[in-house]
Protein backbone atom coordinates (compact mmCIF):
# COMPACT_ATOMS: atom_id res chain seq x y z
CA MET A 1 12.05 -2.50 4.65
CA LYS A 2 11.88 1.22 5.30
CA ILE A 3 9.45 3.53 3.50
CA VAL A 4 12.34 5.56 2.12
CA ASP A 5 13.67 2.40 0.42
CA ILE A 6 10.23 1.53 -0.99
CA LEU A 7 9.97 5.06 -2.34
CA ALA A 8 13.13 4.57 -4.40
CA ILE A 9 12.26 1.06 -5.56
CA CYS A 10 8.85 2.07 -6.92
CA GLU A 11 10.15 5.34 -8.39
CA GLY A 12 7.50 7.07 -6.33
CA LYS A 13 6.75 10.48 -4.97
CA LEU A 14 5.83 10.94 -1.31
CA LEU A 15 2.53 12.82 -1.18
CA THR A 16 2.38 13.11 2.62
CA PRO A 17 5.65 14.91 3.43
CA ASP A 18 5.06 15.19 7.18
CA VAL A 19 5.23 11.43 7.83
CA ASP A 20 8.24 9.48 9.03
CA VAL A 21 9.83 7.69 6.06
CA SER A 22 12.13 5.71 8.34
CA SER A 23 9.17 3.56 9.46
CA GLU A 24 9.50 -0.18 8.86
CA ILE A 25 7.16 -2.01 6.48
CA LYS A 26 7.03 -5.78 7.05
CA GLY A 27 5.27 -6.97 3.87
CA GLY A 28 3.18 -6.02 0.88
CA PHE A 29 -0.23 -6.59 -0.68
CA ALA A 30 -1.47 -5.50 -4.11
CA GLY A 31 -5.13 -5.19 -5.02
CA ASP A 32 -8.01 -2.94 -5.95
CA LEU A 33 -10.86 -4.66 -4.11
CA MET A 34 -11.01 -3.27 -0.59
CA SER A 35 -13.05 -6.29 0.51
CA ASP A 36 -10.04 -8.46 -0.44
CA VAL A 37 -7.76 -6.13 1.48
CA LEU A 38 -9.86 -6.50 4.62
CA ALA A 39 -10.15 -10.27 4.15
CA SER A 40 -6.53 -11.13 3.54
CA ILE A 41 -3.98 -8.42 4.31
CA GLN A 42 -1.72 -8.65 7.33
CA ALA A 43 -0.90 -5.71 9.59
CA GLU A 44 2.16 -3.48 9.17
CA SER A 45 2.18 -3.86 5.40
CA ALA A 46 2.17 -1.70 2.30
CA LEU A 47 -1.01 -1.60 0.23
CA ILE A 48 -0.36 -1.20 -3.50
CA THR A 49 -3.50 -0.20 -5.37
CA GLY A 50 -4.87 1.52 -8.44
CA LEU A 51 -8.11 2.40 -6.69
CA CYS A 52 -8.03 6.09 -5.91
CA ASN A 53 -10.70 7.16 -3.44
CA PRO A 54 -10.97 7.97 0.30
CA GLN A 55 -12.18 4.43 1.03
CA VAL A 56 -8.63 3.20 0.40
CA VAL A 57 -7.34 5.25 3.34
CA ARG A 58 -10.23 4.19 5.58
CA THR A 59 -9.68 0.53 4.70
CA ALA A 60 -5.95 0.85 5.30
CA LEU A 61 -6.58 2.31 8.74
CA ILE A 62 -8.93 -0.52 9.70
CA ALA A 63 -6.45 -3.15 8.46
CA ASP A 64 -3.43 -1.56 10.22
CA VAL A 65 -1.70 -0.88 6.88
CA ARG A 66 1.39 1.31 7.28
CA LEU A 67 1.80 2.63 3.71
CA ILE A 68 -0.40 3.20 0.67
CA ILE A 69 1.14 3.17 -2.81
CA PHE A 70 -1.07 4.43 -5.62
CA ALA A 71 0.03 2.74 -8.84
CA ARG A 72 -0.30 3.54 -12.53
CA GLY A 73 0.36 7.24 -12.07
CA LYS A 74 -2.88 7.76 -10.14
CA LYS A 75 -3.03 11.12 -8.42
CA PRO A 76 -5.13 11.08 -5.24
CA GLY A 77 -7.32 14.13 -4.68
CA GLU A 78 -7.11 16.60 -1.84
CA ASP A 79 -9.81 14.74 0.11
CA ILE A 80 -7.69 11.57 0.09
CA LEU A 81 -4.48 13.36 1.00
CA ASN A 82 -6.14 15.40 3.75
CA LEU A 83 -7.54 12.22 5.31
CA ALA A 84 -4.16 10.47 5.02
CA ASN A 85 -2.34 13.44 6.56
CA ASP A 86 -4.87 13.69 9.39
CA GLU A 87 -4.32 10.00 10.18
CA GLY A 88 -0.53 10.04 9.69
CA MET A 89 -0.78 7.57 6.79
CA PRO A 90 2.15 7.70 4.36
CA VAL A 91 1.04 7.88 0.72
CA ILE A 92 3.22 7.34 -2.32
CA ALA A 93 2.26 7.82 -5.99
CA SER A 94 4.17 5.66 -8.47
CA PRO A 95 4.12 5.73 -12.27
CA LEU A 96 4.57 1.94 -12.30
CA GLY A 97 1.79 -0.65 -12.45
CA LEU A 98 0.78 -3.01 -9.64
CA TYR A 99 2.60 -5.94 -11.20
CA GLN A 100 5.84 -4.04 -11.66
CA ILE A 101 5.79 -2.49 -8.17
CA SER A 102 5.01 -5.86 -6.59
CA GLY A 103 7.78 -7.57 -8.55
CA ARG A 104 10.36 -4.96 -7.63
CA LEU A 105 9.47 -5.05 -3.94
CA ALA A 106 9.47 -8.86 -3.87
CA GLN A 107 12.85 -8.94 -5.61
CA ALA A 108 14.17 -6.46 -3.03
CA GLY A 109 13.10 -8.84 -0.25
CA LEU A 110 9.73 -7.50 0.90
CA PRO A 111 7.53 -10.57 1.53
CA SER A 112 3.91 -10.97 0.55
CA TYR A 113 1.57 -10.12 3.41
CA GLU A 114 -1.45 -11.66 1.75
CA THR A 115 -3.13 -14.52 3.59
CA GLU A 116 -5.04 -17.34 1.96
CA MET A 117 -8.78 -16.73 1.76
CA ASN A 118 -9.65 -20.46 1.70
CA LEU A 119 -11.92 -20.23 -1.32
CA PHE A 120 -11.17 -23.77 -2.42
CA PRO A 121 -11.71 -26.54 0.16
CA LYS A 122 -8.94 -29.08 0.40
CA ASN A 123 -9.91 -32.69 -0.20
């Protein structure tokens, strides 16, 4: 799914206008714990989060995330946007919550890119 399509689905605003919105996103992950992002996200995905600090961008870069969506009307500060722009990371702000964004993207056909963390051993 292209970033431009995700932008419309989540009723978002692109906060990094110099990025290519025709880029392809292969899956999605929603969460606020960056340790969970590092442990279970797959590459080339969108990260949907309500956490709004520069660590989100740094984590996304390490995990090969291709798009960050800030949910719940969160407005990232200049430090976050400057870092994202410097790294070519597309950033969207959406007024919708994580649950609603995730549901809309799943319904539109974007698969979950969250891997199992194996917290519960199988018997």
